[in-house]
């Protein structure tokens, strides 16, 4: 995965600040380029006497866009590009813009109403996470309040399969280019019931997960950490390990999704909602 051309979806709300803070961090560490985009709704196109209202509405939209990008410029500086894109859906507008500008990744913040430090999925994320042709990176709510100085580690949520193996390969190359460690984790979800047959099954799952992780890490040019995370649900399994302030989780797209598109599966959705650090969803490559 390339991270040289970063596209940040921005709006004058806390989620816009969170996504932009993460995009600036990524652009700086990858020595890349940053485009900040404000997606606004189309103006009315009504004939007759309503033309006067249409003119006023267009002027309002232009004023709003100028004010929004001025605010973004104070945060991201003069080295970024700033664009206004018109579309009825903010997520679909970012998908369209990413394609036009050749972006490598789209970055947005958490939807309103989510818990601080967690990621909530709204309509913008939903549109991106089911149709983007480039990876999508999500910042937790409140990320801009105290962003880390740098990315410190990439963690791949690993589940054996061609899609995840490709994700590990991409993440290893990216971690190497950024000069940070790579970690592979597999989640083992246990029911917590003490039945002997379930305990034996759980033991086999642990052994299989550990074996798969060692195989995925084998032959990498850098040292790769591997961990099996266990818990009664995804949130508690993720809580079974430590997370660095500059951590980023990487998930592969669902194998059932369209090729060269992001498509969020059930487990990835749970990881996104339970994570306390940014999460990147890759496109399906195989």
C-alpha atoms as a PDB file:
ATOM      1  CA  UNK A   1       0.000   0.000   0.000  1.00  0.00           C
ATOM      2  CA  UNK A   2       1.230   3.451  -0.889  1.00  0.00           C
ATOM      3  CA  UNK A   3       0.760   6.386   1.463  1.00  0.00           C
ATOM      4  CA  UNK A   4       2.327   9.153  -0.596  1.00  0.00           C
ATOM      5  CA  UNK A   5      -0.868  10.936  -1.709  1.00  0.00           C
ATOM      6  CA  UNK A   6      -3.166  11.481   1.267  1.00  0.00           C
ATOM      7  CA  UNK A   7      -6.725  12.767   0.832  1.00  0.00           C
ATOM      8  CA  UNK A   8      -8.407  14.115   3.981  1.00  0.00           C
ATOM      9  CA  UNK A   9     -12.145  14.676   4.058  1.00  0.00           C
ATOM     10  CA  UNK A  10     -12.700  17.812   6.127  1.00  0.00           C
ATOM     11  CA  UNK A  11     -15.668  19.614   7.632  1.00  0.00           C
ATOM     12  CA  UNK A  12     -15.792  22.302  10.355  1.00  0.00           C
ATOM     13  CA  UNK A  13     -16.656  19.847  13.131  1.00  0.00           C
ATOM     14  CA  UNK A  14     -14.633  17.822  15.666  1.00  0.00           C
ATOM     15  CA  UNK A  15     -14.586  14.818  13.303  1.00  0.00           C
ATOM     16  CA  UNK A  16     -13.021  17.020  10.633  1.00  0.00           C
ATOM     17  CA  UNK A  17     -10.298  18.054  13.068  1.00  0.00           C
ATOM     18  CA  UNK A  18      -9.626  14.435  14.070  1.00  0.00           C
ATOM     19  CA  UNK A  19      -9.289  13.208  10.503  1.00  0.00           C
ATOM     20  CA  UNK A  20      -7.123  16.146   9.506  1.00  0.00           C
ATOM     21  CA  UNK A  21      -4.772  15.687  12.477  1.00  0.00           C
ATOM     22  CA  UNK A  22      -4.239  12.052  11.456  1.00  0.00           C
ATOM     23  CA  UNK A  23      -3.802  12.963   7.783  1.00  0.00           C
ATOM     24  CA  UNK A  24      -1.177  15.600   8.624  1.00  0.00           C
ATOM     25  CA  UNK A  25       0.706  13.066  10.778  1.00  0.00           C
ATOM     26  CA  UNK A  26       0.639  10.472   8.000  1.00  0.00           C
ATOM     27  CA  UNK A  27       1.691  12.950   5.317  1.00  0.00           C
ATOM     28  CA  UNK A  28       4.594  14.177   7.430  1.00  0.00           C
ATOM     29  CA  UNK A  29       5.889  10.720   8.325  1.00  0.00           C
ATOM     30  CA  UNK A  30       5.505   9.352   4.794  1.00  0.00           C
ATOM     31  CA  UNK A  31       7.060  12.524   3.285  1.00  0.00           C
ATOM     32  CA  UNK A  32       4.059  12.667   0.984  1.00  0.00           C
ATOM     33  CA  UNK A  33       1.442  15.086  -0.304  1.00  0.00           C
ATOM     34  CA  UNK A  34      -1.791  16.106   1.362  1.00  0.00           C
ATOM     35  CA  UNK A  35      -5.050  17.199  -0.232  1.00  0.00           C
ATOM     36  CA  UNK A  36      -7.772  18.539   2.051  1.00  0.00           C
ATOM     37  CA  UNK A  37     -11.258  18.244   0.564  1.00  0.00           C
ATOM     38  CA  UNK A  38     -14.568  19.760   1.585  1.00  0.00           C
ATOM     39  CA  UNK A  39     -17.507  17.935  -0.039  1.00  0.00           C
ATOM     40  CA  UNK A  40     -20.563  20.162  -0.252  1.00  0.00           C
ATOM     41  CA  UNK A  41     -24.077  19.479  -1.588  1.00  0.00           C
ATOM     42  CA  UNK A  42     -25.016  20.632  -5.077  1.00  0.00           C
ATOM     43  CA  UNK A  43     -26.808  23.960  -5.502  1.00  0.00           C
ATOM     44  CA  UNK A  44     -30.463  23.986  -6.456  1.00  0.00           C
ATOM     45  CA  UNK A  45     -31.270  24.221 -10.119  1.00  0.00           C
ATOM     46  CA  UNK A  46     -34.793  25.630 -10.134  1.00  0.00           C
ATOM     47  CA  UNK A  47     -36.188  27.615 -13.078  1.00  0.00           C
ATOM     48  CA  UNK A  48     -38.350  30.730 -12.953  1.00  0.00           C
ATOM     49  CA  UNK A  49     -38.671  33.113  -9.979  1.00  0.00           C
ATOM     50  CA  UNK A  50     -36.734  30.739  -7.719  1.00  0.00           C
ATOM     51  CA  UNK A  51     -33.547  31.745  -9.594  1.00  0.00           C
ATOM     52  CA  UNK A  52     -33.002  34.502  -7.037  1.00  0.00           C
ATOM     53  CA  UNK A  53     -33.093  31.953  -4.213  1.00  0.00           C
ATOM     54  CA  UNK A  54     -30.736  29.714  -6.166  1.00  0.00           C
ATOM     55  CA  UNK A  55     -28.263  32.577  -6.542  1.00  0.00           C
ATOM     56  CA  UNK A  56     -28.376  33.265  -2.805  1.00  0.00           C
ATOM     57  CA  UNK A  57     -27.916  29.566  -2.065  1.00  0.00           C
ATOM     58  CA  UNK A  58     -24.909  29.335  -4.371  1.00  0.00           C
ATOM     59  CA  UNK A  59     -23.360  32.383  -2.693  1.00  0.00           C
ATOM     60  CA  UNK A  60     -23.942  30.817   0.726  1.00  0.00           C
ATOM     61  CA  UNK A  61     -22.332  27.532  -0.345  1.00  0.00           C
ATOM     62  CA  UNK A  62     -19.304  29.371  -1.720  1.00  0.00           C
ATOM     63  CA  UNK A  63     -18.942  31.382   1.472  1.00  0.00           C
ATOM     64  CA  UNK A  64     -19.253  28.238   3.592  1.00  0.00           C
ATOM     65  CA  UNK A  65     -16.632  26.413   1.514  1.00  0.00           C
ATOM     66  CA  UNK A  66     -14.179  29.326   1.714  1.00  0.00           C
ATOM     67  CA  UNK A  67     -14.586  29.551   5.496  1.00  0.00           C
ATOM     68  CA  UNK A  68     -14.189  25.782   5.914  1.00  0.00           C
ATOM     69  CA  UNK A  69     -11.002  25.567   3.880  1.00  0.00           C
ATOM     70  CA  UNK A  70      -9.597  28.669   5.597  1.00  0.00           C
ATOM     71  CA  UNK A  71     -10.048  26.873   8.919  1.00  0.00           C
ATOM     72  CA  UNK A  72      -8.399  23.726   7.556  1.00  0.00           C
ATOM     73  CA  UNK A  73      -5.480  25.780   6.243  1.00  0.00           C
ATOM     74  CA  UNK A  74      -4.764  27.093   9.757  1.00  0.00           C
ATOM     75  CA  UNK A  75      -4.296  23.490  10.883  1.00  0.00           C
ATOM     76  CA  UNK A  76      -2.604  21.845   7.904  1.00  0.00           C
ATOM     77  CA  UNK A  77      -0.542  24.763   6.626  1.00  0.00           C
ATOM     78  CA  UNK A  78       0.290  26.074   3.186  1.00  0.00           C
ATOM     79  CA  UNK A  79       1.975  22.922   1.879  1.00  0.00           C
ATOM     80  CA  UNK A  80      -1.339  21.095   1.406  1.00  0.00           C
ATOM     81  CA  UNK A  81      -3.749  21.430  -1.521  1.00  0.00           C
ATOM     82  CA  UNK A  82      -7.316  22.529  -0.747  1.00  0.00           C
ATOM     83  CA  UNK A  83     -10.278  21.596  -2.921  1.00  0.00           C
ATOM     84  CA  UNK A  84     -14.061  21.866  -2.894  1.00  0.00           C
ATOM     85  CA  UNK A  85     -15.974  18.972  -4.436  1.00  0.00           C
ATOM     86  CA  UNK A  86     -19.697  18.877  -5.047  1.00  0.00           C
ATOM     87  CA  UNK A  87     -21.682  15.698  -4.426  1.00  0.00           C
ATOM     88  CA  UNK A  88     -24.928  14.695  -2.742  1.00  0.00           C
ATOM     89  CA  UNK A  89     -23.112  12.165  -0.551  1.00  0.00           C
ATOM     90  CA  UNK A  90     -19.924  13.158   1.281  1.00  0.00           C
ATOM     91  CA  UNK A  91     -18.504   9.627   1.227  1.00  0.00           C
ATOM     92  CA  UNK A  92     -19.308   9.036  -2.435  1.00  0.00           C
ATOM     93  CA  UNK A  93     -17.878  12.465  -3.188  1.00  0.00           C
ATOM     94  CA  UNK A  94     -14.586  11.460  -1.544  1.00  0.00           C
ATOM     95  CA  UNK A  95     -14.564   8.178  -3.502  1.00  0.00           C
ATOM     96  CA  UNK A  96     -14.990  10.157  -6.719  1.00  0.00           C
ATOM     97  CA  UNK A  97     -12.353  12.711  -5.755  1.00  0.00           C
ATOM     98  CA  UNK A  98      -9.834  10.050  -4.703  1.00  0.00           C
ATOM     99  CA  UNK A  99     -10.177   8.460  -8.130  1.00  0.00           C
ATOM    100  CA  UNK A 100      -9.788  11.764  -9.971  1.00  0.00           C
ATOM    101  CA  UNK A 101      -6.736  12.884  -8.005  1.00  0.00           C
ATOM    102  CA  UNK A 102      -5.006   9.509  -7.766  1.00  0.00           C
ATOM    103  CA  UNK A 103      -5.043   9.423  -3.956  1.00  0.00           C
ATOM    104  CA  UNK A 104      -3.418   6.501  -2.132  1.00  0.00           C
ATOM    105  CA  UNK A 105      -5.580   6.704   1.000  1.00  0.00           C
ATOM    106  CA  UNK A 106      -8.659   8.596   2.225  1.00  0.00           C
ATOM    107  CA  UNK A 107      -8.671   9.791   5.846  1.00  0.00           C
ATOM    108  CA  UNK A 108     -11.757  10.811   7.825  1.00  0.00           C
ATOM    109  CA  UNK A 109     -12.764  11.213  11.455  1.00  0.00           C
ATOM    110  CA  UNK A 110     -15.336   9.388  13.549  1.00  0.00           C
ATOM    111  CA  UNK A 111     -19.038  10.098  13.076  1.00  0.00           C
ATOM    112  CA  UNK A 112     -20.683  12.381  15.661  1.00  0.00           C
ATOM    113  CA  UNK A 113     -22.061  10.877  18.841  1.00  0.00           C
ATOM    114  CA  UNK A 114     -19.405   8.217  19.389  1.00  0.00           C
ATOM    115  CA  UNK A 115     -17.425   7.622  22.578  1.00  0.00           C
ATOM    116  CA  UNK A 116     -14.218   9.569  23.035  1.00  0.00           C
ATOM    117  CA  UNK A 117     -11.271   7.508  21.876  1.00  0.00           C
ATOM    118  CA  UNK A 118     -13.455   5.202  19.752  1.00  0.00           C
ATOM    119  CA  UNK A 119     -14.608   5.147  16.136  1.00  0.00           C
ATOM    120  CA  UNK A 120     -18.281   5.507  15.220  1.00  0.00           C
ATOM    121  CA  UNK A 121     -19.377   4.724  11.669  1.00  0.00           C
ATOM    122  CA  UNK A 122     -21.740   7.184  10.005  1.00  0.00           C
ATOM    123  CA  UNK A 123     -23.031   7.640   6.467  1.00  0.00           C
ATOM    124  CA  UNK A 124     -19.740   9.077   5.159  1.00  0.00           C
ATOM    125  CA  UNK A 125     -17.725   6.118   6.452  1.00  0.00           C
ATOM    126  CA  UNK A 126     -20.382   3.660   5.282  1.00  0.00           C
ATOM    127  CA  UNK A 127     -20.181   4.983   1.715  1.00  0.00           C
ATOM    128  CA  UNK A 128     -16.385   4.868   1.755  1.00  0.00           C
ATOM    129  CA  UNK A 129     -16.143   1.453   3.384  1.00  0.00           C
ATOM    130  CA  UNK A 130     -18.284  -0.190   0.729  1.00  0.00           C
ATOM    131  CA  UNK A 131     -17.038   1.436  -2.452  1.00  0.00           C
ATOM    132  CA  UNK A 132     -13.640   3.141  -2.121  1.00  0.00           C
ATOM    133  CA  UNK A 133     -10.997   2.021  -4.604  1.00  0.00           C
ATOM    134  CA  UNK A 134      -8.219   3.054  -2.172  1.00  0.00           C
ATOM    135  CA  UNK A 135      -7.674   2.229   1.531  1.00  0.00           C
ATOM    136  CA  UNK A 136      -9.728   4.160   4.081  1.00  0.00           C
ATOM    137  CA  UNK A 137      -8.193   5.376   7.353  1.00  0.00           C
ATOM    138  CA  UNK A 138     -10.456   6.252  10.296  1.00  0.00           C
ATOM    139  CA  UNK A 139      -9.442   8.464  13.237  1.00  0.00           C
ATOM    140  CA  UNK A 140     -11.020   7.932  16.686  1.00  0.00           C
ATOM    141  CA  UNK A 141     -13.189  10.626  18.265  1.00  0.00           C
ATOM    142  CA  UNK A 142     -10.949  13.174  20.018  1.00  0.00           C
ATOM    143  CA  UNK A 143      -7.766  12.207  18.130  1.00  0.00           C
ATOM    144  CA  UNK A 144      -6.972  15.860  17.424  1.00  0.00           C
ATOM    145  CA  UNK A 145      -7.033  16.729  21.148  1.00  0.00           C
ATOM    146  CA  UNK A 146      -3.651  15.077  21.724  1.00  0.00           C
ATOM    147  CA  UNK A 147      -2.254  13.524  18.540  1.00  0.00           C
ATOM    148  CA  UNK A 148       0.954  11.487  18.864  1.00  0.00           C
ATOM    149  CA  UNK A 149       4.202  12.954  17.616  1.00  0.00           C
ATOM    150  CA  UNK A 150       4.586  10.081  15.129  1.00  0.00           C
ATOM    151  CA  UNK A 151       3.266   6.692  14.119  1.00  0.00           C
ATOM    152  CA  UNK A 152       5.042   4.120  16.290  1.00  0.00           C
ATOM    153  CA  UNK A 153       3.790   0.703  15.125  1.00  0.00           C
ATOM    154  CA  UNK A 154       1.536  -0.979  12.565  1.00  0.00           C
ATOM    155  CA  UNK A 155      -0.630  -3.842  13.804  1.00  0.00           C
ATOM    156  CA  UNK A 156      -2.307  -6.142  11.290  1.00  0.00           C
ATOM    157  CA  UNK A 157      -5.473  -7.936  12.402  1.00  0.00           C
ATOM    158  CA  UNK A 158      -4.576 -11.286  10.837  1.00  0.00           C
ATOM    159  CA  UNK A 159      -6.836 -14.109   9.736  1.00  0.00           C
ATOM    160  CA  UNK A 160      -5.339 -16.732   7.448  1.00  0.00           C
ATOM    161  CA  UNK A 161      -6.290 -16.250   3.806  1.00  0.00           C
ATOM    162  CA  UNK A 162      -5.030 -14.683   0.563  1.00  0.00           C
ATOM    163  CA  UNK A 163      -6.444 -11.239   1.422  1.00  0.00           C
ATOM    164  CA  UNK A 164      -4.766 -11.098   4.804  1.00  0.00           C
ATOM    165  CA  UNK A 165      -1.496 -12.502   3.472  1.00  0.00           C
ATOM    166  CA  UNK A 166      -1.462  -9.690   0.909  1.00  0.00           C
ATOM    167  CA  UNK A 167      -2.228  -7.218   3.707  1.00  0.00           C
ATOM    168  CA  UNK A 168       0.736  -8.480   5.728  1.00  0.00           C
ATOM    169  CA  UNK A 169       3.028  -8.088   2.734  1.00  0.00           C
ATOM    170  CA  UNK A 170       1.830  -4.520   2.159  1.00  0.00           C
ATOM    171  CA  UNK A 171       2.006  -3.625   5.846  1.00  0.00           C
ATOM    172  CA  UNK A 172       5.542  -5.020   6.141  1.00  0.00           C
ATOM    173  CA  UNK A 173       6.721  -2.869   3.249  1.00  0.00           C
ATOM    174  CA  UNK A 174       4.970   0.194   4.671  1.00  0.00           C
ATOM    175  CA  UNK A 175       6.347  -0.353   8.172  1.00  0.00           C
ATOM    176  CA  UNK A 176       9.819  -0.653   6.681  1.00  0.00           C
ATOM    177  CA  UNK A 177       9.454   2.564   4.689  1.00  0.00           C
ATOM    178  CA  UNK A 178       8.171   4.421   7.763  1.00  0.00           C
ATOM    179  CA  UNK A 179      10.874   2.950   9.985  1.00  0.00           C
ATOM    180  CA  UNK A 180       8.462   1.488  12.544  1.00  0.00           C
ATOM    181  CA  UNK A 181       7.784  -2.045  13.886  1.00  0.00           C
ATOM    182  CA  UNK A 182       5.149  -4.431  12.548  1.00  0.00           C
ATOM    183  CA  UNK A 183       2.921  -6.610  14.714  1.00  0.00           C
ATOM    184  CA  UNK A 184       0.482  -9.354  13.721  1.00  0.00           C
ATOM    185  CA  UNK A 185      -2.436 -10.225  15.991  1.00  0.00           C
ATOM    186  CA  UNK A 186      -5.150 -12.849  15.688  1.00  0.00           C
ATOM    187  CA  UNK A 187      -8.321 -12.672  17.762  1.00  0.00           C
ATOM    188  CA  UNK A 188      -9.643 -15.811  19.432  1.00  0.00           C
ATOM    189  CA  UNK A 189     -13.151 -15.292  20.791  1.00  0.00           C
ATOM    190  CA  UNK A 190     -14.088 -17.605  23.672  1.00  0.00           C
ATOM    191  CA  UNK A 191     -17.551 -18.173  25.124  1.00  0.00           C
ATOM    192  CA  UNK A 192     -16.214 -18.299  28.678  1.00  0.00           C
ATOM    193  CA  UNK A 193     -18.173 -21.500  29.381  1.00  0.00           C
ATOM    194  CA  UNK A 194     -16.124 -24.203  31.145  1.00  0.00           C
ATOM    195  CA  UNK A 195     -17.375 -27.219  29.166  1.00  0.00           C
ATOM    196  CA  UNK A 196     -14.478 -29.580  28.446  1.00  0.00           C
ATOM    197  CA  UNK A 197     -15.271 -29.926  24.740  1.00  0.00           C
ATOM    198  CA  UNK A 198     -15.254 -26.135  24.331  1.00  0.00           C
ATOM    199  CA  UNK A 199     -11.961 -25.833  26.207  1.00  0.00           C
ATOM    200  CA  UNK A 200     -10.398 -28.415  23.904  1.00  0.00           C
ATOM    201  CA  UNK A 201     -11.731 -26.565  20.858  1.00  0.00           C
ATOM    202  CA  UNK A 202     -10.388 -23.292  22.225  1.00  0.00           C
ATOM    203  CA  UNK A 203      -6.975 -24.851  22.743  1.00  0.00           C
ATOM    204  CA  UNK A 204      -6.934 -25.991  19.116  1.00  0.00           C
ATOM    205  CA  UNK A 205      -7.935 -22.489  17.990  1.00  0.00           C
ATOM    206  CA  UNK A 206      -5.107 -20.959  20.030  1.00  0.00           C
ATOM    207  CA  UNK A 207      -2.549 -23.377  18.592  1.00  0.00           C
ATOM    208  CA  UNK A 208      -3.813 -22.853  15.035  1.00  0.00           C
ATOM    209  CA  UNK A 209      -3.779 -19.054  15.450  1.00  0.00           C
ATOM    210  CA  UNK A 210      -0.234 -19.087  16.823  1.00  0.00           C
ATOM    211  CA  UNK A 211       0.936 -21.352  13.987  1.00  0.00           C
ATOM    212  CA  UNK A 212      -0.689 -19.132  11.350  1.00  0.00           C
ATOM    213  CA  UNK A 213       0.903 -16.020  12.840  1.00  0.00           C
ATOM    214  CA  UNK A 214       4.374 -17.571  12.882  1.00  0.00           C
ATOM    215  CA  UNK A 215       3.959 -18.641   9.254  1.00  0.00           C
ATOM    216  CA  UNK A 216       2.783 -15.155   8.209  1.00  0.00           C
ATOM    217  CA  UNK A 217       5.731 -13.525   9.992  1.00  0.00           C
ATOM    218  CA  UNK A 218       8.330 -15.955   8.629  1.00  0.00           C
ATOM    219  CA  UNK A 219      10.797 -14.614   6.094  1.00  0.00           C
ATOM    220  CA  UNK A 220      10.081 -10.938   6.677  1.00  0.00           C
ATOM    221  CA  UNK A 221      13.130  -8.651   6.467  1.00  0.00           C
ATOM    222  CA  UNK A 222      12.293  -7.081   9.835  1.00  0.00           C
ATOM    223  CA  UNK A 223      11.461  -8.630  13.200  1.00  0.00           C
ATOM    224  CA  UNK A 224       7.686  -9.071  13.423  1.00  0.00           C
ATOM    225  CA  UNK A 225       5.866  -9.355  16.739  1.00  0.00           C
ATOM    226  CA  UNK A 226       3.039 -11.913  16.887  1.00  0.00           C
ATOM    227  CA  UNK A 227       0.257 -12.154  19.483  1.00  0.00           C
ATOM    228  CA  UNK A 228      -2.886 -14.219  19.970  1.00  0.00           C
ATOM    229  CA  UNK A 229      -5.504 -12.046  21.671  1.00  0.00           C
ATOM    230  CA  UNK A 230      -8.291 -13.847  23.499  1.00  0.00           C
ATOM    231  CA  UNK A 231     -11.528 -12.657  25.039  1.00  0.00           C
ATOM    232  CA  UNK A 232     -15.291 -13.224  25.166  1.00  0.00           C
ATOM    233  CA  UNK A 233     -15.759 -10.525  22.498  1.00  0.00           C
ATOM    234  CA  UNK A 234     -13.678  -8.448  20.109  1.00  0.00           C
ATOM    235  CA  UNK A 235     -13.425  -5.433  22.427  1.00  0.00           C
ATOM    236  CA  UNK A 236     -12.089  -7.483  25.332  1.00  0.00           C
ATOM    237  CA  UNK A 237      -9.735  -9.420  23.070  1.00  0.00           C
ATOM    238  CA  UNK A 238      -8.244  -6.146  21.806  1.00  0.00           C
ATOM    239  CA  UNK A 239      -7.941  -5.031  25.419  1.00  0.00           C
ATOM    240  CA  UNK A 240      -5.779  -8.065  26.213  1.00  0.00           C
ATOM    241  CA  UNK A 241      -2.675  -6.328  24.842  1.00  0.00           C
ATOM    242  CA  UNK A 242      -1.041  -2.913  25.044  1.00  0.00           C
ATOM    243  CA  UNK A 243      -1.481  -0.203  22.402  1.00  0.00           C
ATOM    244  CA  UNK A 244       1.044   2.539  21.746  1.00  0.00           C
ATOM    245  CA  UNK A 245      -0.077   6.183  21.440  1.00  0.00           C
ATOM    246  CA  UNK A 246       1.117   6.109  17.809  1.00  0.00           C
ATOM    247  CA  UNK A 247      -0.427   2.739  16.899  1.00  0.00           C
ATOM    248  CA  UNK A 248      -2.401   2.048  13.729  1.00  0.00           C
ATOM    249  CA  UNK A 249      -4.455  -1.092  13.044  1.00  0.00           C
ATOM    250  CA  UNK A 250      -4.683  -2.506   9.527  1.00  0.00           C
ATOM    251  CA  UNK A 251      -7.565  -4.732   8.413  1.00  0.00           C
ATOM    252  CA  UNK A 252      -7.982  -6.520   5.100  1.00  0.00           C
ATOM    253  CA  UNK A 253     -11.278  -6.139   3.263  1.00  0.00           C
ATOM    254  CA  UNK A 254     -13.803  -8.956   3.303  1.00  0.00           C
ATOM    255  CA  UNK A 255     -13.051 -11.714   0.801  1.00  0.00           C
ATOM    256  CA  UNK A 256     -16.678 -11.486  -0.363  1.00  0.00           C
ATOM    257  CA  UNK A 257     -16.344  -7.873  -1.481  1.00  0.00           C
ATOM    258  CA  UNK A 258     -15.573  -6.627  -4.997  1.00  0.00           C
ATOM    259  CA  UNK A 259     -11.987  -6.703  -6.227  1.00  0.00           C
ATOM    260  CA  UNK A 260      -9.973  -3.466  -5.865  1.00  0.00           C
ATOM    261  CA  UNK A 261     -12.568  -2.056  -3.497  1.00  0.00           C
ATOM    262  CA  UNK A 262     -12.863  -1.586   0.257  1.00  0.00           C
ATOM    263  CA  UNK A 263     -15.568  -3.817   1.728  1.00  0.00           C
ATOM    264  CA  UNK A 264     -15.975  -4.124   5.488  1.00  0.00           C
ATOM    265  CA  UNK A 265     -16.753  -7.586   6.883  1.00  0.00           C
ATOM    266  CA  UNK A 266     -18.409  -8.379  10.227  1.00  0.00           C
ATOM    267  CA  UNK A 267     -15.173  -8.922  12.171  1.00  0.00           C
ATOM    268  CA  UNK A 268     -13.570  -5.792  10.771  1.00  0.00           C
ATOM    269  CA  UNK A 269     -16.634  -3.748  11.745  1.00  0.00           C
ATOM    270  CA  UNK A 270     -16.277  -5.007  15.321  1.00  0.00           C
ATOM    271  CA  UNK A 271     -12.559  -4.187  15.324  1.00  0.00           C
ATOM    272  CA  UNK A 272     -13.217  -0.668  14.026  1.00  0.00           C
ATOM    273  CA  UNK A 273     -15.826  -0.029  16.725  1.00  0.00           C
ATOM    274  CA  UNK A 274     -13.704  -1.485  19.533  1.00  0.00           C
ATOM    275  CA  UNK A 275     -10.334   0.014  18.550  1.00  0.00           C
ATOM    276  CA  UNK A 276      -8.783   2.831  20.564  1.00  0.00           C
ATOM    277  CA  UNK A 277      -6.415   3.888  17.766  1.00  0.00           C
ATOM    278  CA  UNK A 278      -6.770   4.683  14.043  1.00  0.00           C
ATOM    279  CA  UNK A 279      -7.853   1.809  11.790  1.00  0.00           C
ATOM    280  CA  UNK A 280      -7.060   1.441   8.082  1.00  0.00           C
ATOM    281  CA  UNK A 281      -9.174  -0.817   5.865  1.00  0.00           C
ATOM    282  CA  UNK A 282      -7.347  -2.014   2.754  1.00  0.00           C
ATOM    283  CA  UNK A 283      -8.887  -2.745  -0.629  1.00  0.00           C
ATOM    284  CA  UNK A 284      -9.420  -6.369  -1.631  1.00  0.00           C
ATOM    285  CA  UNK A 285      -6.521  -7.380  -3.887  1.00  0.00           C
ATOM    286  CA  UNK A 286      -7.171 -11.109  -4.395  1.00  0.00           C
END
